Amino acid sequence: MQSTANLSTHWADSAPVKTSKSSLLTRWTIFEDSQAKNLVLWFLVSMIVQGVFFLPVPALLIYNFHAPVVILFVTLGLFFSNIIAGMGGLGIRAIMSLFVVSFIAHLLMVVLFII
């Protein structure tokens, strides 16, 4: 007599067949996983790029283009979240995703307030 404790399952046999099409998110996840050995490098690149390029953006936008002061808090929030992610031991996916989110957010701020 079979019970649920020793019932054999065949889930692997009925798994859906993967197609050759992959989404952008799937390719991004594969790229992030392939960069796991370069975790410290990505953290350092993130900090350097944010310190050199992203932190001056609020000053430029506030003083020259009369943007609201809220963008300063957005920039500092993204900067410190990247520091906490890198120094807190989060994985490569978190560090790279935060870096990309920071890049997109700052690009969007520049586009919205300059154009």
C-alpha atoms as a PDB file:
ATOM      1  CA  MET A   1       0.000   0.000   0.000  1.00  0.00           C
ATOM      2  CA  GLN A   2       1.373   3.399  -1.000  1.00  0.00           C
ATOM      3  CA  SER A   3       1.095   6.375   1.276  1.00  0.00           C
ATOM      4  CA  THR A   4       2.080   9.962   0.675  1.00  0.00           C
ATOM      5  CA  ALA A   5       5.387   9.355   2.450  1.00  0.00           C
ATOM      6  CA  ASN A   6       6.700   6.916  -0.138  1.00  0.00           C
ATOM      7  CA  LEU A   7       4.715   7.908  -3.202  1.00  0.00           C
ATOM      8  CA  SER A   8       7.011   8.352  -6.172  1.00  0.00           C
ATOM      9  CA  THR A   9       6.472  11.431  -8.291  1.00  0.00           C
ATOM     10  CA  HIS A  10       7.339  12.090 -11.884  1.00  0.00           C
ATOM     11  CA  TRP A  11       7.477  15.859 -11.900  1.00  0.00           C
ATOM     12  CA  ALA A  12      10.672  16.005 -13.896  1.00  0.00           C
ATOM     13  CA  ASP A  13       9.055  13.968 -16.666  1.00  0.00           C
ATOM     14  CA  SER A  14       6.129  16.352 -17.006  1.00  0.00           C
ATOM     15  CA  ALA A  15       8.166  19.574 -16.874  1.00  0.00           C
ATOM     16  CA  PRO A  16       7.359  22.001 -19.666  1.00  0.00           C
ATOM     17  CA  VAL A  17       9.733  22.001 -22.586  1.00  0.00           C
ATOM     18  CA  LYS A  18      11.839  25.130 -22.713  1.00  0.00           C
ATOM     19  CA  THR A  19      11.695  27.055 -25.928  1.00  0.00           C
ATOM     20  CA  SER A  20      14.601  28.809 -27.572  1.00  0.00           C
ATOM     21  CA  LYS A  21      13.019  32.222 -26.983  1.00  0.00           C
ATOM     22  CA  SER A  22      14.255  33.958 -23.888  1.00  0.00           C
ATOM     23  CA  SER A  23      13.062  37.200 -22.461  1.00  0.00           C
ATOM     24  CA  LEU A  24      15.229  40.175 -21.656  1.00  0.00           C
ATOM     25  CA  LEU A  25      14.798  39.476 -17.947  1.00  0.00           C
ATOM     26  CA  THR A  26      16.006  35.897 -18.402  1.00  0.00           C
ATOM     27  CA  ARG A  27      19.081  37.033 -20.306  1.00  0.00           C
ATOM     28  CA  TRP A  28      19.777  39.714 -17.680  1.00  0.00           C
ATOM     29  CA  THR A  29      19.549  37.113 -14.891  1.00  0.00           C
ATOM     30  CA  ILE A  30      21.928  34.793 -16.752  1.00  0.00           C
ATOM     31  CA  PHE A  31      24.371  37.678 -17.209  1.00  0.00           C
ATOM     32  CA  GLU A  32      24.154  38.575 -13.503  1.00  0.00           C
ATOM     33  CA  ASP A  33      24.805  34.976 -12.498  1.00  0.00           C
ATOM     34  CA  SER A  34      27.813  34.791 -14.810  1.00  0.00           C
ATOM     35  CA  GLN A  35      29.303  37.846 -13.074  1.00  0.00           C
ATOM     36  CA  ALA A  36      29.174  36.329  -9.575  1.00  0.00           C
ATOM     37  CA  LYS A  37      32.946  35.912  -9.503  1.00  0.00           C
ATOM     38  CA  ASN A  38      33.329  39.680 -10.078  1.00  0.00           C
ATOM     39  CA  LEU A  39      31.165  40.776  -7.145  1.00  0.00           C
ATOM     40  CA  VAL A  40      33.740  43.125  -5.604  1.00  0.00           C
ATOM     41  CA  LEU A  41      34.534  44.642  -8.988  1.00  0.00           C
ATOM     42  CA  TRP A  42      30.874  45.427  -9.639  1.00  0.00           C
ATOM     43  CA  PHE A  43      30.549  46.962  -6.177  1.00  0.00           C
ATOM     44  CA  LEU A  44      33.590  49.175  -6.758  1.00  0.00           C
ATOM     45  CA  VAL A  45      32.415  50.182 -10.238  1.00  0.00           C
ATOM     46  CA  SER A  46      29.019  51.023  -8.805  1.00  0.00           C
ATOM     47  CA  MET A  47      30.511  53.208  -6.071  1.00  0.00           C
ATOM     48  CA  ILE A  48      32.935  54.987  -8.413  1.00  0.00           C
ATOM     49  CA  VAL A  49      30.324  55.695 -11.071  1.00  0.00           C
ATOM     50  CA  GLN A  50      27.814  56.909  -8.525  1.00  0.00           C
ATOM     51  CA  GLY A  51      30.350  59.069  -6.723  1.00  0.00           C
ATOM     52  CA  VAL A  52      31.697  60.671  -9.880  1.00  0.00           C
ATOM     53  CA  PHE A  53      28.649  60.887 -12.126  1.00  0.00           C
ATOM     54  CA  PHE A  54      25.450  60.505 -10.090  1.00  0.00           C
ATOM     55  CA  LEU A  55      26.104  62.512  -6.917  1.00  0.00           C
ATOM     56  CA  PRO A  56      26.701  65.807  -8.807  1.00  0.00           C
ATOM     57  CA  VAL A  57      23.422  65.428 -10.733  1.00  0.00           C
ATOM     58  CA  PRO A  58      21.184  66.946  -7.994  1.00  0.00           C
ATOM     59  CA  ALA A  59      23.446  69.998  -7.674  1.00  0.00           C
ATOM     60  CA  LEU A  60      23.338  70.538 -11.413  1.00  0.00           C
ATOM     61  CA  LEU A  61      19.586  70.074 -11.641  1.00  0.00           C
ATOM     62  CA  ILE A  62      18.647  72.050  -8.538  1.00  0.00           C
ATOM     63  CA  TYR A  63      20.844  75.086  -9.114  1.00  0.00           C
ATOM     64  CA  ASN A  64      20.797  75.332 -12.889  1.00  0.00           C
ATOM     65  CA  PHE A  65      17.420  73.914 -13.885  1.00  0.00           C
ATOM     66  CA  HIS A  66      15.347  74.695 -10.762  1.00  0.00           C
ATOM     67  CA  ALA A  67      14.458  71.088 -10.030  1.00  0.00           C
ATOM     68  CA  PRO A  68      12.802  70.225  -6.704  1.00  0.00           C
ATOM     69  CA  VAL A  69      15.022  69.283  -3.765  1.00  0.00           C
ATOM     70  CA  VAL A  70      13.392  65.836  -3.639  1.00  0.00           C
ATOM     71  CA  ILE A  71      15.836  64.581  -6.262  1.00  0.00           C
ATOM     72  CA  LEU A  72      18.646  65.071  -3.740  1.00  0.00           C
ATOM     73  CA  PHE A  73      16.948  62.583  -1.419  1.00  0.00           C
ATOM     74  CA  VAL A  74      16.386  60.154  -4.283  1.00  0.00           C
ATOM     75  CA  THR A  75      20.059  60.318  -5.242  1.00  0.00           C
ATOM     76  CA  LEU A  76      21.299  59.890  -1.683  1.00  0.00           C
ATOM     77  CA  GLY A  77      18.823  57.074  -1.050  1.00  0.00           C
ATOM     78  CA  LEU A  78      20.039  55.176  -4.108  1.00  0.00           C
ATOM     79  CA  PHE A  79      23.673  55.853  -3.235  1.00  0.00           C
ATOM     80  CA  PHE A  80      23.364  54.624   0.341  1.00  0.00           C
ATOM     81  CA  SER A  81      21.273  51.619  -0.681  1.00  0.00           C
ATOM     82  CA  ASN A  82      24.119  50.610  -3.007  1.00  0.00           C
ATOM     83  CA  ILE A  83      26.620  50.993  -0.175  1.00  0.00           C
ATOM     84  CA  ILE A  84      24.486  48.919   2.183  1.00  0.00           C
ATOM     85  CA  ALA A  85      23.908  46.260  -0.479  1.00  0.00           C
ATOM     86  CA  GLY A  86      27.602  45.911  -1.220  1.00  0.00           C
ATOM     87  CA  MET A  87      28.914  46.073   2.314  1.00  0.00           C
ATOM     88  CA  GLY A  88      26.019  44.091   3.732  1.00  0.00           C
ATOM     89  CA  GLY A  89      26.870  41.030   1.699  1.00  0.00           C
ATOM     90  CA  LEU A  90      23.969  40.928  -0.717  1.00  0.00           C
ATOM     91  CA  GLY A  91      24.473  38.943  -3.882  1.00  0.00           C
ATOM     92  CA  ILE A  92      25.502  39.955  -7.340  1.00  0.00           C
ATOM     93  CA  ARG A  93      21.904  40.220  -8.498  1.00  0.00           C
ATOM     94  CA  ALA A  94      21.079  42.836  -5.873  1.00  0.00           C
ATOM     95  CA  ILE A  95      24.206  44.890  -6.500  1.00  0.00           C
ATOM     96  CA  MET A  96      23.879  44.903 -10.272  1.00  0.00           C
ATOM     97  CA  SER A  97      20.130  45.517 -10.176  1.00  0.00           C
ATOM     98  CA  LEU A  98      20.533  48.458  -7.801  1.00  0.00           C
ATOM     99  CA  PHE A  99      23.233  49.884 -10.043  1.00  0.00           C
ATOM    100  CA  VAL A 100      20.975  49.632 -13.087  1.00  0.00           C
ATOM    101  CA  VAL A 101      18.030  51.133 -11.188  1.00  0.00           C
ATOM    102  CA  SER A 102      20.257  54.020 -10.088  1.00  0.00           C
ATOM    103  CA  PHE A 103      21.451  54.564 -13.634  1.00  0.00           C
ATOM    104  CA  ILE A 104      17.924  54.570 -15.048  1.00  0.00           C
ATOM    105  CA  ALA A 105      16.609  56.838 -12.268  1.00  0.00           C
ATOM    106  CA  HIS A 106      19.335  59.418 -12.818  1.00  0.00           C
ATOM    107  CA  LEU A 107      18.981  59.268 -16.564  1.00  0.00           C
ATOM    108  CA  LEU A 108      15.243  59.810 -16.181  1.00  0.00           C
ATOM    109  CA  MET A 109      15.783  62.751 -13.818  1.00  0.00           C
ATOM    110  CA  VAL A 110      18.190  64.396 -16.238  1.00  0.00           C
ATOM    111  CA  VAL A 111      15.840  63.890 -19.173  1.00  0.00           C
ATOM    112  CA  LEU A 112      12.797  65.178 -17.277  1.00  0.00           C
ATOM    113  CA  PHE A 113      14.354  68.337 -15.929  1.00  0.00           C
ATOM    114  CA  ILE A 114      16.644  69.369 -18.771  1.00  0.00           C
ATOM    115  CA  ILE A 115      14.310  68.726 -21.693  1.00  0.00           C
END
